C-alpha atoms as a PDB file:
ATOM      1  CA  MET A   1      74.932 271.256  89.808  1.00  0.00           C
ATOM      2  CA  ASP A   2      73.180 268.378  88.188  1.00  0.00           C
ATOM      3  CA  ARG A   3      71.515 265.549  90.114  1.00  0.00           C
ATOM      4  CA  GLU A   4      74.515 263.202  89.952  1.00  0.00           C
ATOM      5  CA  GLN A   5      76.815 265.907  91.334  1.00  0.00           C
ATOM      6  CA  PHE A   6      74.322 266.573  94.113  1.00  0.00           C
ATOM      7  CA  LEU A   7      74.172 262.879  95.002  1.00  0.00           C
ATOM      8  CA  THR A   8      77.976 262.684  95.130  1.00  0.00           C
ATOM      9  CA  PHE A   9      78.086 265.760  97.369  1.00  0.00           C
ATOM     10  CA  ARG A  10      75.307 264.382  99.558  1.00  0.00           C
ATOM     11  CA  THR A  11      77.044 261.024  99.961  1.00  0.00           C
ATOM     12  CA  ALA A  12      80.243 262.785 101.071  1.00  0.00           C
ATOM     13  CA  LEU A  13      78.317 264.341 103.979  1.00  0.00           C
ATOM     14  CA  THR A  14      76.893 261.047 105.258  1.00  0.00           C
ATOM     15  CA  PRO A  15      75.772 260.540 107.995  1.00  0.00           C
ATOM     16  CA  ALA A  16      75.006 264.249 108.271  1.00  0.00           C
ATOM     17  CA  SER A  17      71.689 265.696 107.212  1.00  0.00           C
ATOM     18  CA  GLY A  18      70.859 269.048 105.667  1.00  0.00           C
ATOM     19  CA  PHE A  19      69.216 270.416 108.801  1.00  0.00           C
ATOM     20  CA  GLN A  20      72.229 269.682 110.960  1.00  0.00           C
ATOM     21  CA  SER A  21      74.364 272.728 111.429  1.00  0.00           C
ATOM     22  CA  ALA A  22      75.529 273.396 114.957  1.00  0.00           C
ATOM     23  CA  GLN A  23      76.477 276.919 113.897  1.00  0.00           C
ATOM     24  CA  TYR A  24      72.926 277.606 112.720  1.00  0.00           C
ATOM     25  CA  ARG A  25      71.494 276.246 115.974  1.00  0.00           C
ATOM     26  CA  ILE A  26      73.821 278.636 117.844  1.00  0.00           C
ATOM     27  CA  ILE A  27      72.560 281.556 115.744  1.00  0.00           C
ATOM     28  CA  GLU A  28      69.014 280.608 116.787  1.00  0.00           C
ATOM     29  CA  ILE A  29      70.011 280.562 120.471  1.00  0.00           C
ATOM     30  CA  TYR A  30      71.788 283.933 120.118  1.00  0.00           C
ATOM     31  CA  SER A  31      68.655 285.346 118.487  1.00  0.00           C
ATOM     32  CA  THR A  32      65.847 284.424 120.866  1.00  0.00           C
ATOM     33  CA  ASP A  33      64.778 282.639 124.027  1.00  0.00           C
ATOM     34  CA  VAL A  34      64.940 278.839 123.819  1.00  0.00           C
ATOM     35  CA  PHE A  35      61.203 278.819 124.586  1.00  0.00           C
ATOM     36  CA  PHE A  36      60.499 280.171 121.078  1.00  0.00           C
ATOM     37  CA  LEU A  37      62.491 277.298 119.538  1.00  0.00           C
ATOM     38  CA  VAL A  38      60.250 274.712 121.193  1.00  0.00           C
ATOM     39  CA  GLN A  39      57.758 273.010 118.878  1.00  0.00           C
ATOM     40  CA  LYS A  40      54.888 275.478 118.666  1.00  0.00           C
ATOM     41  CA  ASP A  41      52.225 272.901 119.529  1.00  0.00           C
ATOM     42  CA  LEU A  42      54.075 272.084 122.782  1.00  0.00           C
ATOM     43  CA  ARG A  43      54.844 275.614 124.018  1.00  0.00           C
ATOM     44  CA  GLY A  44      51.649 275.715 126.095  1.00  0.00           C
ATOM     45  CA  SER A  45      53.215 273.096 128.396  1.00  0.00           C
ATOM     46  CA  PHE A  46      56.039 275.458 129.349  1.00  0.00           C
ATOM     47  CA  ILE A  47      56.692 279.038 130.401  1.00  0.00           C
ATOM     48  CA  ILE A  48      59.271 281.342 128.898  1.00  0.00           C
ATOM     49  CA  GLU A  49      61.279 281.341 132.141  1.00  0.00           C
ATOM     50  CA  ASP A  50      61.799 277.558 132.092  1.00  0.00           C
ATOM     51  CA  ALA A  51      65.443 276.509 132.119  1.00  0.00           C
ATOM     52  CA  PRO A  52      67.000 275.481 128.808  1.00  0.00           C
ATOM     53  CA  GLU A  53      67.572 271.988 130.234  1.00  0.00           C
ATOM     54  CA  LYS A  54      63.802 271.566 130.471  1.00  0.00           C
ATOM     55  CA  LEU A  55      63.128 272.913 126.977  1.00  0.00           C
ATOM     56  CA  MET A  56      65.916 271.429 124.855  1.00  0.00           C
ATOM     57  CA  GLU A  57      64.243 268.036 124.407  1.00  0.00           C
ATOM     58  CA  PHE A  58      61.319 269.721 122.637  1.00  0.00           C
ATOM     59  CA  LEU A  59      63.124 271.951 120.119  1.00  0.00           C
ATOM     60  CA  TYR A  60      61.382 272.068 116.748  1.00  0.00           C
ATOM     61  CA  TRP A  61      64.343 270.724 114.770  1.00  0.00           C
ATOM     62  CA  ARG A  62      64.539 267.577 116.866  1.00  0.00           C
ATOM     63  CA  ARG A  63      61.063 266.580 115.653  1.00  0.00           C
ATOM     64  CA  GLY A  64      62.242 266.799 112.061  1.00  0.00           C
ATOM     65  CA  ALA A  65      64.864 264.106 112.488  1.00  0.00           C
ATOM     66  CA  VAL A  66      62.760 261.086 113.287  1.00  0.00           C
ATOM     67  CA  GLU A  67      62.220 258.111 111.027  1.00  0.00           C
ATOM     68  CA  MET A  68      58.874 258.325 109.266  1.00  0.00           C
ATOM     69  CA  GLU A  69      57.775 254.778 110.037  1.00  0.00           C
ATOM     70  CA  SER A  70      59.063 254.168 113.568  1.00  0.00           C
ATOM     71  CA  LEU A  71      59.119 257.782 114.852  1.00  0.00           C
ATOM     72  CA  LYS A  72      62.492 256.956 116.424  1.00  0.00           C
ATOM     73  CA  LYS A  73      65.404 259.376 116.287  1.00  0.00           C
ATOM     74  CA  THR A  74      67.448 258.946 113.148  1.00  0.00           C
ATOM     75  CA  PHE A  75      71.076 257.931 113.295  1.00  0.00           C
ATOM     76  CA  THR A  76      72.002 261.408 112.090  1.00  0.00           C
ATOM     77  CA  LEU A  77      70.088 263.059 114.949  1.00  0.00           C
ATOM     78  CA  ARG A  78      71.613 260.742 117.533  1.00  0.00           C
ATOM     79  CA  GLN A  79      75.097 261.528 116.199  1.00  0.00           C
ATOM     80  CA  PHE A  80      74.366 265.263 116.103  1.00  0.00           C
ATOM     81  CA  GLU A  81      73.012 265.270 119.676  1.00  0.00           C
ATOM     82  CA  GLU A  82      75.955 263.285 120.986  1.00  0.00           C
ATOM     83  CA  LYS A  83      78.434 265.677 119.441  1.00  0.00           C
ATOM     84  CA  TYR A  84      76.703 269.044 119.878  1.00  0.00           C
ATOM     85  CA  LEU A  85      73.897 268.962 122.456  1.00  0.00           C
ATOM     86  CA  PRO A  86      76.133 269.606 125.503  1.00  0.00           C
ATOM     87  CA  SER A  87      77.693 272.677 123.873  1.00  0.00           C
ATOM     88  CA  LEU A  88      74.301 273.913 122.615  1.00  0.00           C
ATOM     89  CA  LEU A  89      72.930 273.639 126.144  1.00  0.00           C
ATOM     90  CA  GLN A  90      75.931 275.560 127.456  1.00  0.00           C
ATOM     91  CA  VAL A  91      75.331 278.340 124.905  1.00  0.00           C
ATOM     92  CA  ALA A  92      71.610 278.380 125.755  1.00  0.00           C
ATOM     93  CA  ASN A  93      72.384 278.880 129.441  1.00  0.00           C
ATOM     94  CA  GLU A  94      75.041 281.504 128.721  1.00  0.00           C
ATOM     95  CA  TYR A  95      72.737 283.514 126.432  1.00  0.00           C
ATOM     96  CA  ARG A  96      69.551 283.075 128.416  1.00  0.00           C
ATOM     97  CA  GLU A  97      69.618 286.706 129.577  1.00  0.00           C
ATOM     98  CA  LYS A  98      71.625 288.217 126.733  1.00  0.00           C
ATOM     99  CA  ASN A  99      70.220 286.862 123.478  1.00  0.00           C
ATOM    100  CA  LEU A 100      69.029 289.459 120.947  1.00  0.00           C
ATOM    101  CA  ARG A 101      65.415 289.257 122.061  1.00  0.00           C
ATOM    102  CA  GLN A 102      66.378 289.851 125.696  1.00  0.00           C
ATOM    103  CA  LYS A 103      68.635 292.773 124.753  1.00  0.00           C
ATOM    104  CA  TRP A 104      65.779 294.265 122.736  1.00  0.00           C
ATOM    105  CA  LEU A 105      63.339 293.861 125.658  1.00  0.00           C
ATOM    106  CA  LYS A 106      65.784 295.664 127.980  1.00  0.00           C
ATOM    107  CA  MET A 107      66.023 298.727 125.724  1.00  0.00           C
ATOM    108  CA  ALA A 108      64.198 301.928 126.570  1.00  0.00           C
ATOM    109  CA  GLU A 109      60.682 301.920 125.111  1.00  0.00           C
ATOM    110  CA  THR A 110      61.446 304.656 122.535  1.00  0.00           C
ATOM    111  CA  GLU A 111      64.595 302.862 121.335  1.00  0.00           C
ATOM    112  CA  ARG A 112      62.939 299.438 121.296  1.00  0.00           C
ATOM    113  CA  TRP A 113      60.139 300.525 118.973  1.00  0.00           C
ATOM    114  CA  ASN A 114      62.359 302.522 116.617  1.00  0.00           C
ATOM    115  CA  PRO A 115      60.786 301.764 113.205  1.00  0.00           C
ATOM    116  CA  GLU A 116      64.142 301.059 111.549  1.00  0.00           C
ATOM    117  CA  LEU A 117      65.170 298.628 114.292  1.00  0.00           C
ATOM    118  CA  VAL A 118      61.792 296.882 114.216  1.00  0.00           C
ATOM    119  CA  ALA A 119      61.965 296.575 110.422  1.00  0.00           C
ATOM    120  CA  THR A 120      65.482 295.118 110.634  1.00  0.00           C
ATOM    121  CA  MET A 121      64.488 292.590 113.289  1.00  0.00           C
ATOM    122  CA  ARG A 122      61.397 291.560 111.330  1.00  0.00           C
ATOM    123  CA  ARG A 123      63.516 291.139 108.187  1.00  0.00           C
ATOM    124  CA  PHE A 124      66.072 288.993 110.047  1.00  0.00           C
ATOM    125  CA  ASP A 125      63.301 286.872 111.581  1.00  0.00           C
ATOM    126  CA  HIS A 126      61.714 286.318 108.176  1.00  0.00           C
ATOM    127  CA  LEU A 127      65.042 285.549 106.478  1.00  0.00           C
ATOM    128  CA  ALA A 128      66.086 283.043 109.153  1.00  0.00           C
ATOM    129  CA  ASN A 129      62.744 281.323 109.655  1.00  0.00           C
ATOM    130  CA  VAL A 130      60.993 281.513 106.292  1.00  0.00           C
ATOM    131  CA  GLU A 131      63.331 282.330 103.440  1.00  0.00           C
ATOM    132  CA  TRP A 132      66.337 280.200 104.445  1.00  0.00           C
ATOM    133  CA  PRO A 133      64.222 277.100 105.201  1.00  0.00           C
ATOM    134  CA  LEU A 134      62.493 277.595 101.836  1.00  0.00           C
ATOM    135  CA  VAL A 135      65.832 277.658 100.014  1.00  0.00           C
ATOM    136  CA  HIS A 136      66.720 274.383 101.724  1.00  0.00           C
ATOM    137  CA  PHE A 137      63.299 272.931 100.922  1.00  0.00           C
ATOM    138  CA  ARG A 138      63.463 273.973  97.257  1.00  0.00           C
ATOM    139  CA  THR A 139      66.950 272.468  96.934  1.00  0.00           C
ATOM    140  CA  ALA A 140      65.809 269.184  98.464  1.00  0.00           C
ATOM    141  CA  THR A 141      62.730 269.173  96.235  1.00  0.00           C
ATOM    142  CA  ARG A 142      64.808 269.823  93.137  1.00  0.00           C
ATOM    143  CA  TYR A 143      67.124 266.888  93.741  1.00  0.00           C
ATOM    144  CA  LEU A 144      65.081 264.411  95.792  1.00  0.00           C
ATOM    145  CA  ASP A 145      61.522 264.735  94.518  1.00  0.00           C
ATOM    146  CA  ARG A 146      62.076 263.480  91.004  1.00  0.00           C
ATOM    147  CA  LYS A 147      59.941 261.121  88.996  1.00  0.00           C
ATOM    148  CA  PRO A 148      59.987 258.232  88.402  1.00  0.00           C
ATOM    149  CA  GLN A 149      62.032 257.518  91.546  1.00  0.00           C
ATOM    150  CA  GLU A 150      61.902 259.844  94.538  1.00  0.00           C
ATOM    151  CA  LEU A 151      64.960 259.697  96.788  1.00  0.00           C
ATOM    152  CA  ALA A 152      64.624 259.393 100.541  1.00  0.00           C
ATOM    153  CA  ALA A 153      65.903 262.140 102.809  1.00  0.00           C
ATOM    154  CA  THR A 154      69.386 261.569 104.178  1.00  0.00           C
ATOM    155  CA  GLY A 155      68.122 260.237 107.493  1.00  0.00           C
ATOM    156  CA  GLY A 156      64.839 258.764 106.263  1.00  0.00           C
ATOM    157  CA  THR A 157      62.865 261.713 107.633  1.00  0.00           C
ATOM    158  CA  ASN A 158      59.605 263.217 106.432  1.00  0.00           C
ATOM    159  CA  TRP A 159      61.442 266.151 104.887  1.00  0.00           C
ATOM    160  CA  LYS A 160      58.527 267.338 102.750  1.00  0.00           C
ATOM    161  CA  GLU A 161      56.477 268.137 105.814  1.00  0.00           C
ATOM    162  CA  TYR A 162      59.206 269.069 108.269  1.00  0.00           C
ATOM    163  CA  MET A 163      61.180 271.522 106.130  1.00  0.00           C
ATOM    164  CA  GLN A 164      58.333 273.869 105.284  1.00  0.00           C
ATOM    165  CA  PRO A 165      58.357 276.997 107.488  1.00  0.00           C
ATOM    166  CA  LYS A 166      54.559 276.955 107.672  1.00  0.00           C
ATOM    167  CA  ASN A 167      54.905 273.668 109.582  1.00  0.00           C
ATOM    168  CA  GLN A 168      57.846 274.705 111.771  1.00  0.00           C
ATOM    169  CA  GLN A 169      56.207 277.963 112.923  1.00  0.00           C
ATOM    170  CA  VAL A 170      59.387 279.472 114.411  1.00  0.00           C
ATOM    171  CA  THR A 171      59.563 283.223 115.058  1.00  0.00           C
ATOM    172  CA  PHE A 172      62.394 284.782 117.039  1.00  0.00           C
ATOM    173  CA  TYR A 173      60.485 287.962 117.918  1.00  0.00           C
ATOM    174  CA  PRO A 174      56.776 287.165 118.240  1.00  0.00           C
ATOM    175  CA  GLU A 175      56.067 290.634 119.672  1.00  0.00           C
ATOM    176  CA  LEU A 176      56.852 292.103 116.252  1.00  0.00           C
ATOM    177  CA  TRP A 177      54.216 290.121 114.380  1.00  0.00           C
ATOM    178  CA  SER A 178      50.439 290.438 114.425  1.00  0.00           C
ATOM    179  CA  GLU A 179      48.312 287.395 115.186  1.00  0.00           C
ATOM    180  CA  ALA A 180      47.287 287.208 111.527  1.00  0.00           C
ATOM    181  CA  GLU A 181      50.933 287.342 110.418  1.00  0.00           C
ATOM    182  CA  GLU A 182      51.853 284.549 112.829  1.00  0.00           C
ATOM    183  CA  GLN A 183      48.937 282.394 111.656  1.00  0.00           C
ATOM    184  CA  SER A 184      50.029 282.765 108.030  1.00  0.00           C
ATOM    185  CA  TRP A 185      53.761 282.416 108.854  1.00  0.00           C
ATOM    186  CA  GLY A 186      55.473 280.938 105.816  1.00  0.00           C
ATOM    187  CA  LYS A 187      52.197 279.992 104.127  1.00  0.00           C
ATOM    188  CA  ASN A 188      51.934 282.744 101.523  1.00  0.00           C
ATOM    189  CA  VAL A 189      55.616 282.579 100.658  1.00  0.00           C
ATOM    190  CA  THR A 190      55.456 278.803 100.408  1.00  0.00           C
ATOM    191  CA  LYS A 191      52.510 278.946  98.028  1.00  0.00           C
ATOM    192  CA  GLU A 192      54.095 281.671  95.898  1.00  0.00           C
ATOM    193  CA  GLN A 193      57.584 280.220  95.727  1.00  0.00           C
ATOM    194  CA  ILE A 194      57.067 276.476  95.590  1.00  0.00           C
ATOM    195  CA  GLY A 195      53.454 276.057  94.620  1.00  0.00           C
ATOM    196  CA  ILE A 196      52.219 274.154  97.665  1.00  0.00           C
END
């Protein structure tokens, strides 16, 4: 679609924002422990066994929906939280012991480290936390980052920084990645695919 079509489509979604999909947030909760969805720089303040109620305030995607100048929650985030946060918390509590990561940890050692299973889980992790965010980022860049006039993100957020996987640093299955892979998470792909 051309830029005008995109802007029409985008206006129709107001006040929603591109990062706001309750279904996607549920997929994240089904996939891993809520602890691994906490902003990476804050995880040291918590332990993996902490209750979802304690962790939910610090989820990585909540940081991405603050106004650049005031650092206050955007209208879109406030609306999203009001509508979906109670049900997301309910899902987080329900899947605390039965998300995919927990099911994998409970498997027999030989089954857990089956090379085909490990490869599939690594692929899913990379698709969900690097490739999909990059598609979103590239789309936003294509339509919003145009000269001579750059358009603001839907909620006035710092989308250029927030949307890059190298800045989000989310991995569902950290046990499956080396330290070097985690440190370069999303960086090489970002450089190759979008030139940053």
